[in-house]
N, C-alpha and C. Protein backbone atom coordinates (compact mmCIF):
# COMPACT_ATOMS: atom_id res chain seq x y z
N MET A 1 93.71 93.88 -24.62
CA MET A 1 95.15 94.70 -24.58
C MET A 1 95.75 93.75 -23.79
N ILE A 2 97.05 93.74 -24.08
CA ILE A 2 97.96 92.85 -23.61
C ILE A 2 99.11 93.48 -22.93
N ASP A 3 99.19 92.83 -21.50
CA ASP A 3 99.98 93.65 -20.43
C ASP A 3 101.17 92.28 -20.10
N LYS A 4 102.09 92.96 -20.49
CA LYS A 4 103.60 92.43 -20.53
C LYS A 4 103.84 91.68 -19.42
N LYS A 5 103.37 92.49 -17.88
CA LYS A 5 103.74 91.97 -16.77
C LYS A 5 103.18 90.73 -16.48
N THR A 6 101.63 90.88 -16.83
CA THR A 6 100.93 89.48 -16.74
C THR A 6 101.32 88.74 -17.38
N GLU A 7 101.48 88.53 -18.32
CA GLU A 7 102.35 87.46 -19.40
C GLU A 7 103.21 86.83 -18.71
N ALA A 8 104.17 87.76 -18.40
CA ALA A 8 105.55 87.26 -17.55
C ALA A 8 105.49 86.51 -16.09
N ASP A 9 104.77 86.65 -15.44
CA ASP A 9 104.03 86.52 -14.43
C ASP A 9 103.30 84.88 -14.73
N ILE A 10 102.61 84.96 -15.89
CA ILE A 10 101.88 83.51 -16.53
C ILE A 10 103.25 82.76 -16.46
N ARG A 11 104.11 83.16 -17.00
CA ARG A 11 105.67 82.31 -17.46
C ARG A 11 105.98 81.86 -16.13
N SER A 12 106.06 82.61 -15.37
CA SER A 12 106.80 82.32 -13.96
C SER A 12 106.44 81.48 -13.07
N ALA A 13 104.93 81.44 -13.14
CA ALA A 13 104.23 80.93 -11.93
C ALA A 13 104.05 79.18 -12.57
N GLN A 14 103.68 79.19 -14.35
CA GLN A 14 103.83 77.81 -14.63
C GLN A 14 105.24 77.39 -14.84
N SER A 15 106.26 77.90 -14.86
CA SER A 15 107.70 77.49 -14.71
C SER A 15 107.88 77.06 -13.39
N PHE A 16 107.51 77.70 -12.38
CA PHE A 16 107.88 76.91 -10.97
C PHE A 16 107.13 76.07 -10.58
N PHE A 17 105.64 76.00 -11.21
CA PHE A 17 104.87 75.36 -10.86
C PHE A 17 104.91 73.68 -11.56
N GLU A 18 105.91 73.86 -12.84
CA GLU A 18 106.57 72.26 -13.52
C GLU A 18 107.47 72.15 -12.55
N PHE A 19 108.37 72.69 -12.08
CA PHE A 19 109.41 72.60 -11.10
C PHE A 19 109.04 71.95 -10.19
N TRP A 20 108.30 72.54 -9.42
CA TRP A 20 107.54 71.91 -8.45
C TRP A 20 107.31 70.68 -8.75
N THR A 21 106.24 70.21 -9.46
CA THR A 21 105.90 68.47 -9.57
C THR A 21 107.29 67.89 -10.15
N LYS A 22 108.25 68.46 -10.74
CA LYS A 22 109.48 67.43 -10.62
C LYS A 22 110.02 67.20 -9.53
N LEU A 23 110.06 68.37 -8.48
CA LEU A 23 110.41 67.87 -7.28
C LEU A 23 109.80 67.30 -6.30
N HIS A 24 108.18 67.30 -6.38
CA HIS A 24 107.81 66.45 -5.91
C HIS A 24 107.80 64.68 -6.42
N ALA A 25 108.07 64.81 -7.50
CA ALA A 25 108.45 63.27 -8.07
C ALA A 25 109.91 63.04 -7.56
N LEU A 26 110.67 64.06 -7.36
CA LEU A 26 111.90 63.71 -6.64
C LEU A 26 111.93 63.02 -5.40
N TYR A 27 110.83 63.63 -4.65
CA TYR A 27 110.62 63.55 -3.00
C TYR A 27 110.35 62.38 -2.96
N LYS A 28 108.93 61.74 -4.08
CA LYS A 28 108.59 60.39 -3.87
C LYS A 28 109.57 59.25 -4.12
N GLU A 29 110.17 59.47 -5.06
CA GLU A 29 111.27 58.69 -5.17
C GLU A 29 112.04 58.23 -4.54
N THR A 30 112.64 59.30 -3.59
CA THR A 30 113.44 59.27 -2.40
C THR A 30 112.79 58.46 -1.57
N ILE A 31 111.50 59.04 -1.18
CA ILE A 31 111.23 57.99 0.00
C ILE A 31 110.44 56.89 -0.14
N LEU A 32 110.51 56.27 -1.44
CA LEU A 32 110.07 54.96 -1.68
C LEU A 32 111.22 53.79 -1.23
N LYS A 33 112.49 54.85 -1.45
CA LYS A 33 113.65 53.99 -1.05
C LYS A 33 114.04 52.84 0.40
N ASP A 34 114.39 51.82 0.41
CA ASP A 34 114.16 51.05 1.71
C ASP A 34 115.34 51.96 2.86
N ILE A 35 116.34 52.40 2.14
CA ILE A 35 117.35 53.28 2.90
C ILE A 35 117.83 54.85 2.08
N ILE A 36 117.71 55.72 2.89
CA ILE A 36 117.52 57.07 2.42
C ILE A 36 119.29 57.19 2.77
N THR A 37 119.98 57.54 1.66
CA THR A 37 121.42 57.33 1.95
C THR A 37 121.69 59.20 1.94
N ASN A 38 122.70 59.47 2.55
CA ASN A 38 123.38 60.79 2.67
C ASN A 38 122.77 61.19 1.27
N ASP A 39 123.31 60.72 0.28
CA ASP A 39 123.27 61.47 -1.30
C ASP A 39 122.46 61.50 -1.62
N ASP A 40 121.23 60.73 -1.41
CA ASP A 40 119.76 60.83 -1.81
C ASP A 40 119.68 62.31 -1.08
N GLU A 41 119.66 62.13 0.02
CA GLU A 41 119.12 63.37 1.08
C GLU A 41 119.66 64.76 0.38
N LYS A 42 121.11 64.83 0.26
CA LYS A 42 121.71 65.85 -0.19
C LYS A 42 120.73 66.18 -1.74
N LYS A 43 120.93 65.30 -2.53
CA LYS A 43 120.45 65.45 -3.82
C LYS A 43 118.92 66.29 -3.75
N TYR A 44 118.21 65.88 -2.73
CA TYR A 44 116.82 66.47 -2.49
C TYR A 44 117.00 67.61 -1.54
N LEU A 45 117.49 67.81 -0.67
CA LEU A 45 117.84 69.11 0.08
C LEU A 45 118.13 69.95 -1.07
N ASP A 46 119.44 70.00 -1.79
CA ASP A 46 120.00 70.73 -2.74
C ASP A 46 119.10 71.17 -3.75
N THR A 47 118.19 70.38 -4.15
CA THR A 47 117.18 70.67 -4.98
C THR A 47 115.85 71.43 -4.44
N LEU A 48 115.78 71.31 -3.12
CA LEU A 48 114.83 72.15 -2.20
C LEU A 48 115.26 73.49 -2.10
N GLY A 49 116.72 73.41 -1.75
CA GLY A 49 117.21 74.72 -1.64
C GLY A 49 117.34 75.62 -2.71
N LEU A 50 117.06 75.17 -4.45
CA LEU A 50 116.93 75.98 -5.42
C LEU A 50 116.10 76.24 -5.55
N MET A 51 114.70 75.40 -5.29
CA MET A 51 113.35 75.82 -5.28
C MET A 51 112.95 76.82 -4.42
N LYS A 52 113.52 77.14 -3.07
CA LYS A 52 113.40 77.81 -2.18
C LYS A 52 113.82 79.27 -2.63
N ALA A 53 114.83 79.42 -3.48
CA ALA A 53 115.39 80.63 -4.27
C ALA A 53 114.41 81.21 -5.21
N LYS A 54 114.04 80.50 -6.23
CA LYS A 54 112.87 80.25 -6.87
C LYS A 54 111.71 80.87 -6.36
N TYR A 55 111.12 80.19 -5.84
CA TYR A 55 109.90 80.71 -4.78
C TYR A 55 110.11 82.01 -4.35
N GLU A 56 111.14 82.43 -3.60
CA GLU A 56 111.13 84.01 -3.26
C GLU A 56 111.19 85.02 -4.01
N GLY A 57 111.45 84.48 -5.02
CA GLY A 57 111.61 85.54 -6.10
C GLY A 57 110.18 85.25 -6.92
N LEU A 58 109.28 84.05 -6.98
CA LEU A 58 108.29 84.40 -7.34
C LEU A 58 107.28 85.40 -6.73
N LYS A 59 107.61 84.73 -5.14
CA LYS A 59 106.69 85.51 -4.34
C LYS A 59 106.85 87.16 -4.39
N GLY A 60 108.14 87.51 -4.37
CA GLY A 60 108.54 88.86 -4.45
C GLY A 60 107.79 89.37 -5.91
N GLY A 61 107.82 88.68 -7.13
CA GLY A 61 107.39 89.28 -8.09
C GLY A 61 105.98 89.43 -8.74
N LEU A 62 105.09 88.67 -7.99
CA LEU A 62 103.55 88.35 -8.01
C LEU A 62 103.02 89.17 -7.08
N GLU A 63 103.43 88.92 -5.88
CA GLU A 63 102.95 90.00 -4.97
C GLU A 63 101.58 89.35 -4.35
N PHE A 64 101.67 87.78 -4.18
CA PHE A 64 100.48 87.25 -3.57
C PHE A 64 100.32 86.79 -2.25
N ARG A 65 99.56 86.06 -1.66
CA ARG A 65 99.43 85.94 -0.46
C ARG A 65 99.01 84.67 -0.27
N TYR A 66 99.09 83.69 1.01
CA TYR A 66 98.43 82.49 0.77
C TYR A 66 96.81 83.00 1.71
N MET A 67 96.20 82.65 0.91
CA MET A 67 94.58 82.74 1.45
C MET A 67 94.24 80.93 1.96
N PRO A 68 94.47 81.03 3.21
CA PRO A 68 93.94 79.29 4.08
C PRO A 68 92.87 79.34 3.99
N TYR A 69 92.29 77.92 3.92
CA TYR A 69 91.14 77.18 4.13
C TYR A 69 91.60 76.53 5.06
N GLY A 70 91.39 76.86 6.14
CA GLY A 70 91.80 76.22 7.34
C GLY A 70 93.26 75.70 7.83
N ARG A 71 93.89 76.85 6.97
CA ARG A 71 95.62 76.48 7.39
C ARG A 71 95.94 78.27 7.62
N PHE A 72 97.18 78.18 8.21
CA PHE A 72 97.66 79.44 8.76
C PHE A 72 98.95 79.93 8.19
N THR A 73 99.62 78.66 7.42
CA THR A 73 100.88 78.93 6.92
C THR A 73 100.60 78.61 5.38
N ASP A 74 101.61 79.21 4.75
CA ASP A 74 101.83 78.93 2.94
C ASP A 74 102.46 77.51 3.17
N PRO A 75 101.71 76.40 2.38
CA PRO A 75 102.42 74.94 2.28
C PRO A 75 103.41 74.94 1.57
N VAL A 76 103.88 75.93 0.70
CA VAL A 76 105.01 75.90 -0.23
C VAL A 76 106.29 75.86 0.55
N SER A 77 105.82 76.99 1.68
CA SER A 77 106.73 77.45 2.58
C SER A 77 107.17 76.38 3.68
N ASP A 78 106.23 75.70 4.02
CA ASP A 78 106.34 74.95 5.16
C ASP A 78 107.01 73.51 4.54
N ILE A 79 107.10 73.02 3.01
CA ILE A 79 107.96 72.09 2.63
C ILE A 79 109.33 72.64 2.22
N LEU A 80 109.44 73.90 1.73
CA LEU A 80 110.71 74.56 1.65
C LEU A 80 111.65 74.37 2.84
N ALA A 81 111.01 74.16 4.13
CA ALA A 81 111.39 74.47 5.38
C ALA A 81 112.12 73.00 6.02
N VAL A 82 111.60 71.86 4.82
CA VAL A 82 111.76 70.67 5.87
C VAL A 82 113.42 70.78 5.52
N HIS A 83 113.95 70.10 6.75
CA HIS A 83 115.43 70.09 6.63
C HIS A 83 116.45 68.65 6.54
N ASN A 84 115.34 67.27 6.79
CA ASN A 84 115.79 66.16 6.72
C ASN A 84 114.79 65.25 6.25
N ILE A 85 114.90 64.53 5.41
CA ILE A 85 114.10 63.28 5.38
C ILE A 85 114.27 61.94 5.69
N ARG A 86 115.45 61.58 5.95
CA ARG A 86 115.83 60.29 6.35
C ARG A 86 115.35 59.69 7.52
N PHE A 87 115.12 60.61 8.41
CA PHE A 87 114.66 60.36 10.09
C PHE A 87 113.25 60.87 10.34
N ILE A 88 112.49 61.49 8.98
CA ILE A 88 111.03 61.80 9.42
C ILE A 88 110.23 60.80 9.93
N SER A 89 109.45 61.23 11.01
CA SER A 89 108.46 59.95 11.29
C SER A 89 107.08 60.04 10.52
N GLU A 90 106.45 59.23 10.75
CA GLU A 90 105.47 58.51 9.53
C GLU A 90 104.15 59.81 9.79
N ASN A 91 104.14 60.40 10.94
CA ASN A 91 103.19 61.36 11.38
C ASN A 91 103.46 62.86 10.35
N ASN A 92 104.96 62.89 10.15
CA ASN A 92 105.22 64.24 9.42
C ASN A 92 105.47 63.98 8.08
N LEU A 93 105.75 62.86 7.18
CA LEU A 93 105.73 62.17 5.98
C LEU A 93 104.22 62.07 5.93
N LYS A 94 102.95 62.10 6.80
CA LYS A 94 101.51 62.42 6.24
C LYS A 94 101.22 64.07 6.07
N LYS A 95 101.83 64.71 7.19
CA LYS A 95 101.87 65.90 7.42
C LYS A 95 102.26 66.66 5.70
N LEU A 96 103.63 65.72 5.34
CA LEU A 96 104.31 66.67 4.41
C LEU A 96 103.49 66.68 3.07
N ASP A 97 102.95 65.35 3.02
CA ASP A 97 101.77 65.09 1.88
C ASP A 97 100.84 65.90 1.81
N ASP A 98 100.30 65.95 2.94
CA ASP A 98 99.00 66.89 2.92
C ASP A 98 99.52 68.09 2.31
N ASP A 99 100.78 68.61 2.58
CA ASP A 99 101.31 70.20 2.19
C ASP A 99 101.43 70.24 0.82
N TRP A 100 101.63 69.24 0.31
CA TRP A 100 102.24 69.06 -1.31
C TRP A 100 100.73 68.89 -1.94
N ARG A 101 99.70 68.56 -1.18
CA ARG A 101 98.37 68.42 -2.08
C ARG A 101 97.95 69.80 -1.99
N ASP A 102 98.02 70.47 -0.73
CA ASP A 102 97.73 72.11 -0.50
C ASP A 102 98.72 73.17 -1.45
N SER A 103 99.76 72.39 -1.50
CA SER A 103 100.74 73.31 -2.50
C SER A 103 100.40 73.26 -3.59
N TYR A 104 99.70 72.28 -4.04
CA TYR A 104 99.26 72.17 -5.51
C TYR A 104 97.94 72.82 -5.84
N VAL A 105 97.50 72.96 -5.23
CA VAL A 105 96.17 73.39 -5.35
C VAL A 105 96.52 75.19 -5.30
N PHE A 106 97.40 75.34 -4.53
CA PHE A 106 97.63 76.61 -4.25
C PHE A 106 98.29 77.52 -5.22
N LEU A 107 98.94 76.58 -5.72
CA LEU A 107 100.05 77.08 -6.93
C LEU A 107 99.08 76.90 -7.99
N ASN A 108 98.23 75.98 -8.17
CA ASN A 108 97.75 76.19 -9.55
C ASN A 108 96.57 77.12 -9.32
N SER A 109 95.76 77.48 -8.53
CA SER A 109 95.39 78.78 -8.06
C SER A 109 95.68 79.94 -8.68
N ILE A 110 97.17 80.46 -8.46
CA ILE A 110 97.62 81.41 -8.83
C ILE A 110 98.04 81.55 -9.89
N VAL A 111 98.30 80.28 -10.79
CA VAL A 111 98.07 80.22 -12.33
C VAL A 111 97.09 80.77 -12.79
N GLU A 112 95.55 80.17 -12.20
CA GLU A 112 94.59 80.40 -12.98
C GLU A 112 93.87 81.62 -12.71
N ARG A 113 94.45 82.39 -11.55
CA ARG A 113 94.06 83.98 -11.22
C ARG A 113 94.88 84.80 -12.32
N LEU A 114 96.06 84.48 -12.61
CA LEU A 114 96.75 85.13 -13.72
C LEU A 114 96.04 84.64 -14.98
N LYS A 115 95.47 83.64 -15.18
CA LYS A 115 95.05 83.38 -16.57
C LYS A 115 93.84 84.25 -16.53
N SER A 116 92.60 84.56 -15.77
CA SER A 116 91.82 85.06 -15.47
C SER A 116 91.99 86.70 -15.60
N LYS A 117 93.25 87.05 -15.16
CA LYS A 117 93.40 88.75 -15.53
C LYS A 117 93.94 88.56 -16.78
N LYS A 118 94.58 87.81 -17.47
CA LYS A 118 94.63 88.19 -18.63
C LYS A 118 93.61 87.81 -19.54
N ARG A 119 92.61 87.15 -19.43
CA ARG A 119 91.43 86.90 -20.01
C ARG A 119 90.41 88.18 -20.00
N ARG A 120 90.57 88.85 -19.05
CA ARG A 120 89.88 90.42 -18.11
C ARG A 120 90.47 91.26 -19.24
N LEU A 121 91.83 91.12 -18.91
CA LEU A 121 92.70 92.38 -19.75
C LEU A 121 92.46 92.42 -21.23
N GLY A 122 92.28 91.33 -21.90
CA GLY A 122 92.14 90.96 -23.39
C GLY A 122 90.69 91.68 -23.90
N GLN A 123 89.62 91.89 -22.41
CA GLN A 123 88.65 92.66 -23.30
C GLN A 123 88.76 93.84 -23.46
N PHE A 124 89.65 94.47 -23.11
CA PHE A 124 89.61 95.94 -23.00
C PHE A 124 90.55 96.41 -24.32
N ASN A 125 90.06 97.75 -24.84
CA ASN A 125 90.64 98.41 -26.30
C ASN A 125 91.59 99.16 -25.63
N PRO A 126 92.88 98.79 -26.52
CA PRO A 126 93.94 99.79 -26.02
C PRO A 126 93.85 101.11 -26.31
N VAL A 127 92.87 101.49 -27.43
CA VAL A 127 93.01 102.90 -27.90
C VAL A 127 92.21 103.29 -26.54
N GLY A 128 91.34 102.64 -26.32
CA GLY A 128 89.96 103.44 -25.28
C GLY A 128 90.56 103.61 -24.03
N VAL A 129 91.75 102.76 -23.62
CA VAL A 129 92.30 102.79 -22.37
C VAL A 129 93.29 104.35 -22.53
N PHE A 130 93.99 104.39 -23.68
CA PHE A 130 94.93 105.22 -24.02
C PHE A 130 94.05 106.65 -23.72
N LEU A 131 92.89 106.66 -24.37
CA LEU A 131 92.12 107.94 -24.12
C LEU A 131 91.72 108.04 -22.93
N LYS A 132 91.35 106.89 -22.18
CA LYS A 132 90.82 107.41 -20.79
C LYS A 132 91.85 107.85 -20.06
N ARG A 133 93.21 107.29 -20.14
CA ARG A 133 94.48 107.70 -19.17
C ARG A 133 94.23 109.29 -19.76
N VAL A 134 94.35 109.86 -20.82
CA VAL A 134 94.83 110.99 -21.28
C VAL A 134 93.63 112.03 -20.65
N PHE A 135 92.68 111.85 -21.28
CA PHE A 135 91.24 112.52 -20.32
C PHE A 135 91.56 112.44 -18.94
N GLU A 136 91.90 111.94 -18.04
CA GLU A 136 92.14 111.35 -16.65
C GLU A 136 93.32 112.30 -16.52
N ARG A 137 94.46 112.65 -17.11
CA ARG A 137 95.60 113.33 -17.09
C ARG A 137 95.29 114.80 -16.89
N ARG A 138 94.21 114.97 -17.88
CA ARG A 138 93.83 116.56 -18.36
C ARG A 138 92.76 117.01 -17.21
N GLY A 139 91.95 116.10 -16.95
CA GLY A 139 91.01 115.99 -15.39
C GLY A 139 92.16 116.94 -14.31
N SER A 140 93.03 116.08 -13.83
CA SER A 140 93.74 116.11 -13.05
C SER A 140 94.64 117.47 -12.70
N GLN A 141 94.98 118.12 -14.08
CA GLN A 141 95.91 119.12 -14.55
C GLN A 141 94.73 120.45 -14.36
N THR A 142 93.90 120.27 -14.23
CA THR A 142 92.73 121.45 -14.14
C THR A 142 92.43 122.14 -12.95
């Protein structure tokens, strides 16, 4: 059985995941510079703002929650809350790197859960599901 919502969710999550890895590449490129200019920071923060909007849409559409393993917050939201990178301390850079790693695992797990759901749904016979719903409706009407 093909579930259109699951298919759309997989596409949305994979698309976000691709943009997320591109944002990480931009972040790495920016922090490796000897001097981060206002323009560099603005470009990064503007991109971060776009990602924040995409993430809110993704969260609303997928209805997922972060399942912490020793964490209490969503690592993606933590990164999206960064307000500057020009004057960030070494400790905060280390935390940000840890958040990137955690967010990678988190986002990848969302994609894998959706693919697993798709495989499970693929095992159902659409005719059987339809007949089951018909019999359930008849039973509730009597």
